[in-house]
Amino acid sequence: MHGRGVRSMPNRRRAVPGGRNNTARRAAAWTRWHEYAACVGQPSGLFYGRESETAAERVAREQTALAVCERCPVRRQCRAHAMTLPETYGVWGGTTEAHRRKSRHWSKGQPFDTSGRAS
C-alpha cells in the first residue's frame, strides 16, 4: 500500500535466532574465542534470566552458569569482552550482572583484572 506521498519504512535486518549458539555467521577474528567457549550448545536461558525470575531462581541459575564458566578455556577473553563492551545482562566469563556492575562502579578509570576468580 504505497500511495502517493506515503513513505515506506526502510528494510530492517532480521534478528538471527540462536544468540550465543548461532553458527550461521562466522565470527570476526577478534571474537573467534566464542567458538571455543564451554557455553556453546548450552541453552541461553542458563546465562540470561527471565524478567519474572525470583531471587532464589536467579542464584541457582547463576551458580549453574558459573560452573560452566569455571571449566571454560576462553573465560578470560569472555570476561574481558563483557567488561570492555560492556555486557550488562547475563553471565559472561565467570561474572554475573551484579559482579560486573559493582566492578565497573568501583574501578572507574582502572582496567578490569581478568585474572581473578568469579564471584
C-alpha atoms as a PDB file:
ATOM      1  CA  MET A   1       0.000   0.000   0.000  1.00  0.00           C
ATOM      2  CA  HIS A   2       2.408   2.590  -1.197  1.00  0.00           C
ATOM      3  CA  GLY A   3       0.318   5.528  -2.241  1.00  0.00           C
ATOM      4  CA  ARG A   4       1.323   8.946  -3.348  1.00  0.00           C
ATOM      5  CA  GLY A   5       3.090  10.812  -0.532  1.00  0.00           C
ATOM      6  CA  VAL A   6       3.387   7.751   1.677  1.00  0.00           C
ATOM      7  CA  ARG A   7       6.922   6.757   2.522  1.00  0.00           C
ATOM      8  CA  SER A   8       7.689   3.146   3.205  1.00  0.00           C
ATOM      9  CA  MET A   9       9.681   2.018   6.166  1.00  0.00           C
ATOM     10  CA  PRO A  10      13.293   1.113   5.439  1.00  0.00           C
ATOM     11  CA  ASN A  11      14.090  -2.574   5.281  1.00  0.00           C
ATOM     12  CA  ARG A  12      15.246  -3.842   8.657  1.00  0.00           C
ATOM     13  CA  ARG A  13      17.668  -6.643   9.141  1.00  0.00           C
ATOM     14  CA  ARG A  14      16.072  -9.651  10.766  1.00  0.00           C
ATOM     15  CA  ALA A  15      17.334 -10.885  14.083  1.00  0.00           C
ATOM     16  CA  VAL A  16      19.060 -14.218  13.794  1.00  0.00           C
ATOM     17  CA  PRO A  17      17.772 -16.711  16.366  1.00  0.00           C
ATOM     18  CA  GLY A  18      20.277 -18.622  18.419  1.00  0.00           C
ATOM     19  CA  GLY A  19      22.271 -15.935  20.165  1.00  0.00           C
ATOM     20  CA  ARG A  20      25.468 -17.465  21.502  1.00  0.00           C
ATOM     21  CA  ASN A  21      24.668 -20.759  19.782  1.00  0.00           C
ATOM     22  CA  ASN A  22      24.240 -19.292  16.309  1.00  0.00           C
ATOM     23  CA  THR A  23      26.816 -20.738  13.926  1.00  0.00           C
ATOM     24  CA  ALA A  24      25.230 -19.430  10.725  1.00  0.00           C
ATOM     25  CA  ARG A  25      27.599 -16.478  10.532  1.00  0.00           C
ATOM     26  CA  ARG A  26      31.356 -16.758  11.026  1.00  0.00           C
ATOM     27  CA  ALA A  27      32.726 -14.673  13.876  1.00  0.00           C
ATOM     28  CA  ALA A  28      35.156 -11.848  13.236  1.00  0.00           C
ATOM     29  CA  ALA A  29      38.755 -12.666  14.142  1.00  0.00           C
ATOM     30  CA  TRP A  30      38.578 -10.773  17.431  1.00  0.00           C
ATOM     31  CA  THR A  31      35.525 -12.781  18.557  1.00  0.00           C
ATOM     32  CA  ARG A  32      36.589 -16.253  17.400  1.00  0.00           C
ATOM     33  CA  TRP A  33      37.061 -17.191  21.032  1.00  0.00           C
ATOM     34  CA  HIS A  34      33.265 -17.664  21.086  1.00  0.00           C
ATOM     35  CA  GLU A  35      33.746 -20.832  19.041  1.00  0.00           C
ATOM     36  CA  TYR A  36      35.752 -22.427  21.862  1.00  0.00           C
ATOM     37  CA  ALA A  37      33.526 -21.360  24.746  1.00  0.00           C
ATOM     38  CA  ALA A  38      32.141 -24.003  27.098  1.00  0.00           C
ATOM     39  CA  CYS A  39      28.690 -22.395  26.762  1.00  0.00           C
ATOM     40  CA  VAL A  40      28.374 -23.313  23.079  1.00  0.00           C
ATOM     41  CA  GLY A  41      25.364 -25.585  22.805  1.00  0.00           C
ATOM     42  CA  GLN A  42      24.048 -24.662  26.249  1.00  0.00           C
ATOM     43  CA  PRO A  43      20.567 -23.099  26.461  1.00  0.00           C
ATOM     44  CA  SER A  44      20.732 -19.295  26.568  1.00  0.00           C
ATOM     45  CA  GLY A  45      18.227 -19.345  29.456  1.00  0.00           C
ATOM     46  CA  LEU A  46      21.042 -20.655  31.621  1.00  0.00           C
ATOM     47  CA  PHE A  47      23.046 -17.440  31.115  1.00  0.00           C
ATOM     48  CA  TYR A  48      20.172 -14.952  30.804  1.00  0.00           C
ATOM     49  CA  GLY A  49      17.361 -14.942  33.346  1.00  0.00           C
ATOM     50  CA  ARG A  50      13.681 -14.260  32.775  1.00  0.00           C
ATOM     51  CA  GLU A  51      12.285 -10.944  33.976  1.00  0.00           C
ATOM     52  CA  SER A  52       9.918 -12.839  36.281  1.00  0.00           C
ATOM     53  CA  GLU A  53      12.754 -14.866  37.822  1.00  0.00           C
ATOM     54  CA  THR A  54      12.787 -14.935  41.624  1.00  0.00           C
ATOM     55  CA  ALA A  55      15.948 -14.178  43.574  1.00  0.00           C
ATOM     56  CA  ALA A  56      16.316 -17.847  44.526  1.00  0.00           C
ATOM     57  CA  GLU A  57      15.901 -18.931  40.885  1.00  0.00           C
ATOM     58  CA  ARG A  58      18.466 -16.330  39.788  1.00  0.00           C
ATOM     59  CA  VAL A  59      21.032 -17.505  42.337  1.00  0.00           C
ATOM     60  CA  ALA A  60      20.555 -21.160  41.323  1.00  0.00           C
ATOM     61  CA  ARG A  61      20.748 -20.327  37.598  1.00  0.00           C
ATOM     62  CA  GLU A  62      23.832 -18.142  38.039  1.00  0.00           C
ATOM     63  CA  GLN A  63      25.612 -20.822  40.085  1.00  0.00           C
ATOM     64  CA  THR A  64      24.975 -23.372  37.339  1.00  0.00           C
ATOM     65  CA  ALA A  65      26.141 -20.940  34.651  1.00  0.00           C
ATOM     66  CA  LEU A  66      29.246 -20.022  36.674  1.00  0.00           C
ATOM     67  CA  ALA A  67      30.104 -23.731  36.889  1.00  0.00           C
ATOM     68  CA  VAL A  68      30.098 -23.849  33.071  1.00  0.00           C
ATOM     69  CA  CYS A  69      32.349 -20.772  33.005  1.00  0.00           C
ATOM     70  CA  GLU A  70      34.710 -22.350  35.535  1.00  0.00           C
ATOM     71  CA  ARG A  71      35.702 -25.041  33.039  1.00  0.00           C
ATOM     72  CA  CYS A  72      35.756 -22.721  30.012  1.00  0.00           C
ATOM     73  CA  PRO A  73      39.050 -22.422  28.105  1.00  0.00           C
ATOM     74  CA  VAL A  74      38.263 -18.864  26.941  1.00  0.00           C
ATOM     75  CA  ARG A  75      36.915 -17.464  30.208  1.00  0.00           C
ATOM     76  CA  ARG A  76      39.488 -14.647  30.336  1.00  0.00           C
ATOM     77  CA  GLN A  77      38.650 -13.417  26.834  1.00  0.00           C
ATOM     78  CA  CYS A  78      34.939 -13.631  27.587  1.00  0.00           C
ATOM     79  CA  ARG A  79      35.324 -11.715  30.846  1.00  0.00           C
ATOM     80  CA  ALA A  80      37.430  -9.020  29.175  1.00  0.00           C
ATOM     81  CA  HIS A  81      34.809  -8.725  26.423  1.00  0.00           C
ATOM     82  CA  ALA A  82      31.997  -8.404  28.974  1.00  0.00           C
ATOM     83  CA  MET A  83      33.791  -5.684  30.910  1.00  0.00           C
ATOM     84  CA  THR A  84      35.004  -3.742  27.873  1.00  0.00           C
ATOM     85  CA  LEU A  85      31.806  -3.723  25.800  1.00  0.00           C
ATOM     86  CA  PRO A  86      30.138  -3.643  28.478  1.00  0.00           C
ATOM     87  CA  GLU A  87      27.717  -6.556  28.562  1.00  0.00           C
ATOM     88  CA  THR A  88      25.052  -5.510  31.055  1.00  0.00           C
ATOM     89  CA  TYR A  89      22.966  -8.696  31.037  1.00  0.00           C
ATOM     90  CA  GLY A  90      23.714 -12.338  31.657  1.00  0.00           C
ATOM     91  CA  VAL A  91      26.628 -14.394  32.897  1.00  0.00           C
ATOM     92  CA  TRP A  92      29.840 -13.759  30.955  1.00  0.00           C
ATOM     93  CA  GLY A  93      33.343 -15.027  31.662  1.00  0.00           C
ATOM     94  CA  GLY A  94      32.512 -16.216  35.138  1.00  0.00           C
ATOM     95  CA  THR A  95      30.905 -12.917  36.129  1.00  0.00           C
ATOM     96  CA  THR A  96      27.302 -12.075  36.888  1.00  0.00           C
ATOM     97  CA  GLU A  97      25.467  -8.864  36.037  1.00  0.00           C
ATOM     98  CA  ALA A  98      25.842  -7.695  39.646  1.00  0.00           C
ATOM     99  CA  HIS A  99      29.564  -8.502  39.736  1.00  0.00           C
ATOM    100  CA  ARG A 100      30.280  -6.544  36.547  1.00  0.00           C
ATOM    101  CA  ARG A 101      28.130  -3.603  37.650  1.00  0.00           C
ATOM    102  CA  LYS A 102      29.941  -3.473  41.004  1.00  0.00           C
ATOM    103  CA  SER A 103      33.359  -3.831  39.368  1.00  0.00           C
ATOM    104  CA  ARG A 104      32.687  -1.060  36.838  1.00  0.00           C
ATOM    105  CA  HIS A 105      31.439   1.253  39.575  1.00  0.00           C
ATOM    106  CA  TRP A 106      34.401   0.504  41.848  1.00  0.00           C
ATOM    107  CA  SER A 107      37.088   0.728  39.202  1.00  0.00           C
ATOM    108  CA  LYS A 108      36.111   3.790  37.209  1.00  0.00           C
ATOM    109  CA  GLY A 109      39.113   4.544  35.063  1.00  0.00           C
ATOM    110  CA  GLN A 110      41.034   1.446  36.193  1.00  0.00           C
ATOM    111  CA  PRO A 111      41.485  -1.589  33.944  1.00  0.00           C
ATOM    112  CA  PHE A 112      39.481  -4.633  34.971  1.00  0.00           C
ATOM    113  CA  ASP A 113      41.555  -7.520  36.347  1.00  0.00           C
ATOM    114  CA  THR A 114      40.716 -10.502  34.129  1.00  0.00           C
ATOM    115  CA  SER A 115      42.861 -12.929  36.111  1.00  0.00           C
ATOM    116  CA  GLY A 116      40.725 -13.035  39.270  1.00  0.00           C
ATOM    117  CA  ARG A 117      38.165 -15.588  40.319  1.00  0.00           C
ATOM    118  CA  ALA A 118      34.496 -15.254  39.546  1.00  0.00           C
ATOM    119  CA  SER A 119      32.245 -14.157  42.360  1.00  0.00           C
END
